[in-house]
Amino acid sequence: TREIDLKGWYEYNSVMGVIFTEINGNDKDSLRQKMDNHLCRVLDRGQISGIKISWHVFPEEDVKQKAEADMELYPDLEKRDESKRPALFLKRTTDIIGGLLGILLFSPFFIILPLLVKFTSEGPVFFRQERVGRYGKKFTFLKFRSMHINSDPAIHKEYTRKLISGQQDAKGADGEGNCSYKIKDDPRVTPIGRFLRKSSMDELPQFFNVLKGEMSLVGPRPPIPYELESYDIWHRRRLLEIKPGITGIWQVHGRSSTTFDEMVRMDIKYIREWSIWMDIKLLLKTPWVILTGKGAY
């Protein structure tokens, strides 16, 4: 092996790591076989039984098929979590208090809106959908149902694929090159659903996601798993470092007025510069954004 192709690290009686550079990920199996054969030649069975070998490919293999990140490839995140432990504890405490206050404050709507949804269209009150959270872990995302049941998800799937890839004909539901995950004049949306979406009232059940620890009050928007099929590697960074939120920097400062890449950059900026004070400012600005209805469909 040439010197430039092989790097690594070593801890006495503990770990030996080897990094192969400029190697095709498809060669992983052949490399594993060669290493196994070599170990069998130089070690006895007892020694081999005490050796554990794991393989990690970067950029991550099967990135289009899997959401959960291989955390062995991002050791800096765990170190960052340790350094921010007090602040993260404060953020979680704020989420619990804010989630409880949100449910209490909007409790009348948790009675009225389910009745309106139930009596104006067939189907359940709540819309449950698999979303991708921190570290790529999946969770069940809650909303008040705003669409007819049995709506074809292929419409939205194709729309988001074009939106993320930056194709001109998908840049925005409003035809002005703006980024929106909701299709304007979507035929699948019920009449009461249009009101719920315009007022963002459909998002209220996410307070329960916050209390369960799956989401935060403030953070990046949680993607649907099929959206990751169109993600570039750098897009995934928005999923790794912080929990998704009900509101966030994109919803407040860019909602439906940015491209997808710009939205991701805003999320990464939030992650890098995050503080409790930033969360408070975004929370205080959110009601005005909701009242004006800018970018909501």
Protein backbone atom coordinates (compact mmCIF):
# COMPACT_ATOMS: atom_id res chain seq x y z
CA THR A 1 0.00 0.00 0.00
CA ARG A 2 1.32 3.42 -0.90
CA GLU A 3 1.87 5.71 2.06
CA ILE A 4 -0.67 8.27 0.88
CA ASP A 5 -3.40 5.60 0.76
CA LEU A 6 -3.08 4.46 4.35
CA LYS A 7 -3.60 6.45 7.54
CA GLY A 8 -4.79 5.53 11.00
CA TRP A 9 -4.48 5.65 14.77
CA TYR A 10 -3.46 3.32 17.58
CA GLU A 11 -4.27 2.95 21.26
CA TYR A 12 -2.18 0.42 23.21
CA ASN A 13 -4.15 -2.77 24.06
CA SER A 14 -7.35 -1.08 22.90
CA VAL A 15 -7.98 0.15 19.38
CA MET A 16 -6.22 0.21 16.06
CA GLY A 17 -7.90 2.17 13.31
CA VAL A 18 -6.91 2.10 9.67
CA ILE A 19 -8.10 4.67 7.13
CA PHE A 20 -7.89 3.75 3.46
CA THR A 21 -8.07 6.82 1.25
CA GLU A 22 -9.09 6.93 -2.40
CA ILE A 23 -10.60 3.45 -2.17
CA ASN A 24 -13.89 2.61 -3.85
CA GLY A 25 -16.56 1.73 -1.28
CA ASN A 26 -17.47 -1.30 -3.39
CA ASP A 27 -14.07 -2.81 -2.50
CA LYS A 28 -15.03 -3.13 1.17
CA ASP A 29 -15.88 -6.83 0.97
CA SER A 30 -12.66 -7.78 -0.82
CA LEU A 31 -10.61 -5.77 1.70
CA ARG A 32 -12.42 -7.46 4.57
CA GLN A 33 -11.70 -10.91 3.07
CA LYS A 34 -8.00 -10.11 2.59
CA MET A 35 -7.71 -8.92 6.18
CA ASP A 36 -9.51 -11.99 7.54
CA ASN A 37 -7.23 -14.30 5.53
CA HIS A 38 -4.13 -12.50 6.78
CA LEU A 39 -5.24 -12.69 10.42
CA CYS A 40 -5.86 -16.42 10.04
CA ARG A 41 -2.33 -16.88 8.80
CA VAL A 42 -0.56 -14.94 11.57
CA LEU A 43 -2.81 -15.52 14.62
CA ASP A 44 -4.33 -18.53 16.34
CA ARG A 45 -8.06 -18.97 16.98
CA GLY A 46 -7.88 -17.69 20.54
CA GLN A 47 -6.27 -14.45 19.45
CA ILE A 48 -8.67 -13.99 16.56
CA SER A 49 -11.71 -14.44 18.84
CA GLY A 50 -10.61 -11.39 20.83
CA ILE A 51 -10.50 -9.13 17.80
CA LYS A 52 -13.51 -7.13 16.66
CA ILE A 53 -13.40 -5.53 13.23
CA SER A 54 -15.87 -2.90 12.05
CA TRP A 55 -15.96 -1.14 8.70
CA HIS A 56 -17.21 2.35 7.96
CA VAL A 57 -17.36 3.94 4.51
CA PHE A 58 -17.37 7.70 3.98
CA PRO A 59 -19.23 9.23 2.26
CA GLU A 60 -21.72 6.86 3.82
CA GLU A 61 -22.80 3.99 1.65
CA ASP A 62 -26.50 3.49 0.88
CA VAL A 63 -27.06 7.13 1.81
CA LYS A 64 -30.14 7.15 -0.42
CA GLN A 65 -31.70 4.17 1.33
CA LYS A 66 -30.96 4.81 5.00
CA ALA A 67 -31.61 7.83 7.17
CA GLU A 68 -29.80 7.02 10.41
CA ALA A 69 -26.24 8.26 10.40
CA ASP A 70 -23.17 6.15 11.16
CA MET A 71 -22.01 8.05 14.24
CA GLU A 72 -18.54 6.47 14.07
CA LEU A 73 -17.95 8.86 11.17
CA TYR A 74 -18.86 11.94 13.19
CA PRO A 75 -16.91 11.70 16.49
CA ASP A 76 -16.81 15.49 16.73
CA LEU A 77 -20.56 15.55 17.39
CA GLU A 78 -20.29 13.54 20.60
CA LYS A 79 -17.48 15.80 21.84
CA ARG A 80 -19.58 18.84 20.99
CA ASP A 81 -22.53 17.40 22.92
CA GLU A 82 -20.33 16.95 25.99
CA SER A 83 -19.12 20.55 25.84
CA LYS A 84 -22.69 21.84 25.45
CA ARG A 85 -24.31 19.56 28.03
CA PRO A 86 -25.45 22.40 30.38
CA ALA A 87 -26.89 24.42 27.48
CA LEU A 88 -28.62 21.35 26.01
CA PHE A 89 -30.13 20.61 29.43
CA LEU A 90 -31.47 24.17 29.51
CA LYS A 91 -32.86 23.77 25.98
CA ARG A 92 -34.62 20.55 26.96
CA THR A 93 -36.03 22.18 30.08
CA THR A 94 -37.29 25.06 27.95
CA ASP A 95 -38.87 22.58 25.54
CA ILE A 96 -40.76 20.79 28.32
CA ILE A 97 -42.03 24.01 29.87
CA GLY A 98 -42.86 25.51 26.47
CA GLY A 99 -44.58 22.32 25.31
CA LEU A 100 -46.79 22.19 28.38
CA LEU A 101 -47.62 25.90 28.13
CA GLY A 102 -48.37 25.52 24.42
CA ILE A 103 -50.83 22.68 25.03
CA LEU A 104 -52.45 24.64 27.88
CA LEU A 105 -52.63 27.90 25.92
CA PHE A 106 -54.10 26.29 22.81
CA SER A 107 -56.26 23.76 24.68
CA PRO A 108 -59.53 25.16 23.24
CA PHE A 109 -58.22 24.48 19.73
CA PHE A 110 -57.49 20.86 20.69
CA ILE A 111 -61.27 20.55 21.16
CA ILE A 112 -62.58 22.73 18.31
CA LEU A 113 -60.19 21.76 15.51
CA PRO A 114 -60.65 17.97 15.83
CA LEU A 115 -64.42 18.49 15.54
CA LEU A 116 -63.99 20.64 12.42
CA VAL A 117 -61.63 18.11 10.84
CA LYS A 118 -63.91 15.18 11.67
CA PHE A 119 -67.15 16.77 10.49
CA THR A 120 -65.82 18.24 7.22
CA SER A 121 -64.07 15.16 5.78
CA GLU A 122 -63.80 11.44 6.31
CA GLY A 123 -60.81 10.05 8.13
CA PRO A 124 -58.87 10.41 11.39
CA VAL A 125 -58.33 13.70 13.19
CA PHE A 126 -54.57 13.36 13.35
CA PHE A 127 -52.16 12.89 10.48
CA ARG A 128 -49.27 10.63 11.45
CA GLN A 129 -46.19 10.52 9.28
CA GLU A 130 -42.70 9.08 9.62
CA ARG A 131 -40.09 11.84 9.78
CA VAL A 132 -36.33 11.93 10.27
CA GLY A 133 -34.95 13.49 13.44
CA ARG A 134 -31.58 14.01 15.05
CA TYR A 135 -28.85 11.57 13.99
CA GLY A 136 -31.23 10.36 11.28
CA LYS A 137 -33.47 8.54 13.76
CA LYS A 138 -37.06 8.18 12.61
CA PHE A 139 -40.11 9.16 14.64
CA THR A 140 -43.88 9.57 14.20
CA PHE A 141 -44.69 13.20 13.37
CA LEU A 142 -48.12 14.55 14.39
CA LYS A 143 -50.34 17.13 12.70
CA PHE A 144 -54.03 17.83 12.44
CA ARG A 145 -55.10 16.19 9.19
CA SER A 146 -55.43 18.74 6.39
CA MET A 147 -55.76 16.39 3.39
CA HIS A 148 -58.30 13.87 2.16
CA ILE A 149 -57.54 10.29 3.17
CA ASN A 150 -55.80 8.00 0.67
CA SER A 151 -54.15 10.97 -1.05
CA ASP A 152 -51.39 9.93 -3.42
CA PRO A 153 -47.99 10.81 -1.86
CA ALA A 154 -46.32 10.48 -5.27
CA ILE A 155 -47.36 14.06 -6.11
CA HIS A 156 -45.46 15.52 -3.17
CA LYS A 157 -42.58 13.07 -3.55
CA GLU A 158 -41.92 14.16 -7.12
CA TYR A 159 -42.37 17.81 -6.19
CA THR A 160 -39.82 17.68 -3.36
CA ARG A 161 -37.38 15.71 -5.52
CA LYS A 162 -37.35 18.51 -8.08
CA LEU A 163 -37.30 21.16 -5.36
CA ILE A 164 -34.24 19.71 -3.62
CA SER A 165 -32.39 19.05 -6.86
CA GLY A 166 -32.98 22.68 -7.87
CA GLN A 167 -34.88 22.05 -11.08
CA GLN A 168 -36.42 25.29 -12.31
CA ASP A 169 -39.96 23.97 -12.74
CA ALA A 170 -40.12 22.93 -9.08
CA LYS A 171 -38.64 26.01 -7.45
CA GLY A 172 -41.57 27.04 -5.41
CA ALA A 173 -45.26 26.46 -5.23
CA ASP A 174 -45.81 30.08 -6.19
CA GLY A 175 -43.81 29.94 -9.44
CA GLU A 176 -41.42 32.64 -8.26
CA GLY A 177 -38.39 30.47 -7.56
CA ASN A 178 -39.16 30.17 -3.86
CA CYS A 179 -38.70 27.12 -1.66
CA SER A 180 -41.92 25.67 -0.25
CA TYR A 181 -42.66 22.12 0.86
CA LYS A 182 -46.39 22.64 0.50
CA ILE A 183 -47.87 22.75 -2.98
CA LYS A 184 -49.98 25.82 -3.65
CA ASP A 185 -53.59 24.97 -4.59
CA ASP A 186 -52.95 21.32 -3.73
CA PRO A 187 -56.12 19.39 -4.76
CA ARG A 188 -55.56 16.88 -1.95
CA VAL A 189 -56.17 19.52 0.76
CA THR A 190 -59.61 19.78 2.39
CA PRO A 191 -61.40 23.16 2.79
CA ILE A 192 -60.73 23.23 6.55
CA GLY A 193 -57.24 21.97 5.78
CA ARG A 194 -56.50 25.14 3.81
CA PHE A 195 -57.33 27.21 6.87
CA LEU A 196 -55.25 24.96 9.12
CA ARG A 197 -52.24 25.26 6.84
CA LYS A 198 -52.58 28.99 6.28
CA SER A 199 -52.80 29.61 10.02
CA SER A 200 -50.24 26.88 10.88
CA MET A 201 -52.82 25.45 13.29
CA ASP A 202 -52.17 22.01 11.81
CA GLU A 203 -48.78 22.08 13.59
CA LEU A 204 -50.21 22.26 17.14
CA PRO A 205 -50.02 18.49 17.86
CA GLN A 206 -46.25 18.72 17.51
CA PHE A 207 -46.15 20.00 21.09
CA PHE A 208 -46.59 16.32 21.99
CA ASN A 209 -43.55 15.44 19.84
CA VAL A 210 -41.64 18.05 21.84
CA LEU A 211 -42.70 16.58 25.19
CA LYS A 212 -41.63 13.11 24.01
CA GLY A 213 -38.17 14.47 23.21
CA GLU A 214 -38.44 13.78 19.47
CA MET A 215 -38.54 17.46 18.57
CA SER A 216 -37.64 20.83 20.04
CA LEU A 217 -39.59 24.08 20.04
CA VAL A 218 -36.90 25.52 17.74
CA GLY A 219 -34.84 23.64 15.18
CA PRO A 220 -34.63 22.59 11.52
CA ARG A 221 -37.69 21.25 9.74
CA PRO A 222 -37.81 17.40 10.01
CA PRO A 223 -37.71 15.82 6.54
CA ILE A 224 -39.76 12.91 5.23
CA PRO A 225 -37.55 9.82 4.64
CA TYR A 226 -38.02 9.91 0.86
CA GLU A 227 -36.64 13.46 0.77
CA LEU A 228 -33.25 12.08 1.77
CA GLU A 229 -33.08 10.25 -1.56
CA SER A 230 -32.38 13.63 -3.18
CA TYR A 231 -30.05 14.99 -0.47
CA ASP A 232 -26.41 15.75 -1.20
CA ILE A 233 -23.96 14.62 1.48
CA TRP A 234 -23.64 18.13 2.94
CA HIS A 235 -27.43 18.46 3.23
CA ARG A 236 -27.44 15.66 5.83
CA ARG A 237 -25.50 17.83 8.26
CA ARG A 238 -28.76 19.55 9.19
CA LEU A 239 -30.00 16.24 10.65
CA LEU A 240 -27.01 15.38 12.80
CA GLU A 241 -26.38 18.05 15.37
CA ILE A 242 -29.70 19.17 16.79
CA LYS A 243 -33.32 18.06 17.14
CA PRO A 244 -35.84 19.23 14.55
CA GLY A 245 -38.21 21.97 15.66
CA ILE A 246 -41.75 23.28 15.34
CA THR A 247 -40.34 26.64 14.29
CA GLY A 248 -36.87 27.68 13.25
CA ILE A 249 -34.65 30.16 11.46
CA TRP A 250 -35.96 29.12 8.04
CA GLN A 251 -39.61 29.39 9.08
CA VAL A 252 -39.02 32.87 10.53
CA HIS A 253 -36.58 34.40 8.06
CA GLY A 254 -36.94 32.45 4.86
CA ARG A 255 -40.24 30.58 4.75
CA SER A 256 -41.04 29.98 1.07
CA SER A 257 -38.67 32.76 -0.04
CA THR A 258 -35.44 30.76 -0.36
CA THR A 259 -34.06 27.89 -2.39
CA PHE A 260 -33.54 24.52 -0.73
CA ASP A 261 -29.76 24.97 -0.55
CA GLU A 262 -30.25 28.36 1.11
CA MET A 263 -32.61 26.76 3.62
CA VAL A 264 -29.97 24.14 4.50
CA ARG A 265 -27.34 26.87 4.91
CA MET A 266 -29.69 28.70 7.27
CA ASP A 267 -30.14 25.51 9.30
CA ILE A 268 -26.37 24.97 9.50
CA LYS A 269 -25.91 28.62 10.53
CA TYR A 270 -28.46 28.10 13.31
CA ILE A 271 -26.68 24.92 14.47
CA ARG A 272 -23.28 26.63 14.56
CA GLU A 273 -24.46 29.80 16.29
CA TRP A 274 -27.15 28.26 18.48
CA SER A 275 -27.86 29.70 21.90
CA ILE A 276 -30.87 29.86 24.20
CA TRP A 277 -31.14 33.58 23.43
CA MET A 278 -31.36 32.79 19.70
CA ASP A 279 -34.19 30.32 20.41
CA ILE A 280 -36.05 32.94 22.44
CA LYS A 281 -35.76 35.51 19.65
CA LEU A 282 -37.03 33.03 17.05
CA LEU A 283 -39.94 32.03 19.29
CA LEU A 284 -40.90 35.69 19.80
CA LYS A 285 -40.83 36.34 16.04
CA THR A 286 -42.88 33.24 15.14
CA PRO A 287 -46.36 34.63 16.05
CA TRP A 288 -45.93 37.56 13.65
CA VAL A 289 -44.91 35.21 10.84
CA ILE A 290 -48.00 33.09 11.53
CA LEU A 291 -50.33 36.12 11.69
CA THR A 292 -49.07 37.52 8.39
CA GLY A 293 -49.32 34.08 6.80
CA LYS A 294 -46.30 34.78 4.60
CA GLY A 295 -45.31 31.70 2.62
CA ALA A 296 -48.04 29.51 4.15
CA TYR A 297 -50.29 27.47 1.84
